[in-house]
Amino acid sequence: MTKGSANNSSGSGSGSGSGSGGYQTTRSGTNSQGNHYCHRDYGTDASNSNSYHYSNSNGSYYYSNLNGSTYYNDGAGNSQYNSGK
């Protein structure tokens, strides 16, 4: 599974802020390839305290969720889910 280029976080974005559901958005924005990303910190007690998601300019997207599960959609109707267990 190719996750795309979300790790290239150069480009515009915002710093930390508060959100609903007990998390802080630590990084979000659009990188130099035009891909949106958002990293959330749920604290040290969460099973996956630093969850994130991104959506790419080609229509694909990826979620790493609070419960440890991941979801990837390639933008062409194919998807993959991993429960994290």
Protein backbone atom coordinates (compact mmCIF):
# COMPACT_ATOMS: atom_id res chain seq x y z
CA MET A 1 0.00 0.00 0.00
CA THR A 2 1.41 3.36 -1.01
CA LYS A 3 0.51 6.11 1.36
CA GLY A 4 1.48 8.97 -0.93
CA SER A 5 3.54 11.96 0.05
CA ALA A 6 1.94 13.21 3.24
CA ASN A 7 5.29 13.14 5.04
CA ASN A 8 6.54 15.95 2.83
CA SER A 9 5.03 18.65 4.96
CA SER A 10 6.63 21.64 3.31
CA GLY A 11 4.18 24.30 2.25
CA SER A 12 1.53 26.27 4.04
CA GLY A 13 -0.04 25.08 7.26
CA SER A 14 -1.14 26.00 10.72
CA GLY A 15 0.18 25.30 14.20
CA SER A 16 -1.54 23.86 17.24
CA GLY A 17 -5.11 24.60 18.24
CA SER A 18 -7.95 23.03 20.12
CA GLY A 19 -10.67 20.85 18.68
CA SER A 20 -13.76 19.02 19.80
CA GLY A 21 -13.50 15.51 21.16
CA GLY A 22 -10.49 16.09 23.39
CA TYR A 23 -7.74 16.60 20.83
CA GLN A 24 -5.41 19.30 19.65
CA THR A 25 -4.61 19.81 16.00
CA THR A 26 -0.83 19.96 16.06
CA ARG A 27 -0.19 20.36 12.32
CA SER A 28 -2.44 20.91 9.35
CA GLY A 29 -2.26 22.49 5.96
CA THR A 30 -1.34 21.76 2.38
CA ASN A 31 2.09 20.53 1.35
CA SER A 32 4.04 21.44 -1.78
CA GLN A 33 2.30 18.70 -3.83
CA GLY A 34 -1.15 20.13 -3.02
CA ASN A 35 -1.96 17.39 -0.51
CA HIS A 36 -3.95 18.26 2.62
CA TYR A 37 -2.78 16.85 5.96
CA CYS A 38 -3.95 17.08 9.55
CA HIS A 39 -2.24 15.65 12.65
CA ARG A 40 -4.18 15.42 15.92
CA ASP A 41 -2.85 14.81 19.41
CA TYR A 42 -5.31 13.02 21.73
CA GLY A 43 -2.94 12.84 24.69
CA THR A 44 -0.84 10.12 26.25
CA ASP A 45 -3.78 7.95 27.40
CA ALA A 46 -5.04 7.33 23.84
CA SER A 47 -4.13 4.08 22.10
CA ASN A 48 -2.93 6.11 19.10
CA SER A 49 -2.26 9.52 20.60
CA ASN A 50 -1.04 11.08 17.34
CA SER A 51 -3.62 10.21 14.74
CA TYR A 52 -3.62 11.88 11.36
CA HIS A 53 -5.26 11.95 7.99
CA TYR A 54 -4.44 13.31 4.59
CA SER A 55 -6.06 13.67 1.24
CA ASN A 56 -4.05 13.85 -1.95
CA SER A 57 -4.66 15.90 -5.06
CA ASN A 58 -5.21 12.64 -7.00
CA GLY A 59 -8.30 11.83 -4.90
CA SER A 60 -6.68 9.27 -2.60
CA TYR A 61 -6.82 9.61 1.17
CA TYR A 62 -5.45 7.92 4.28
CA TYR A 63 -6.58 7.88 7.91
CA SER A 64 -4.65 6.70 10.95
CA ASN A 65 -7.37 6.68 13.60
CA LEU A 66 -7.50 7.16 17.36
CA ASN A 67 -8.22 3.46 17.96
CA GLY A 68 -5.13 2.33 16.02
CA SER A 69 -7.00 1.39 12.84
CA THR A 70 -6.02 2.69 9.42
CA TYR A 71 -8.00 3.28 6.26
CA TYR A 72 -6.69 3.96 2.77
CA ASN A 73 -8.65 4.77 -0.37
CA ASP A 74 -6.77 5.14 -3.65
CA GLY A 75 -9.37 7.50 -5.14
CA ALA A 76 -10.36 4.96 -7.78
CA GLY A 77 -12.79 2.91 -5.69
CA ASN A 78 -10.22 0.62 -4.05
CA SER A 79 -9.78 0.74 -0.30
CA GLN A 80 -7.99 -1.05 2.49
CA TYR A 81 -8.90 -1.14 6.18
CA ASN A 82 -6.69 -2.42 8.99
CA SER A 83 -8.23 -2.77 12.44
CA GLY A 84 -4.88 -2.27 14.14
CA LYS A 85 -5.37 -5.41 16.23
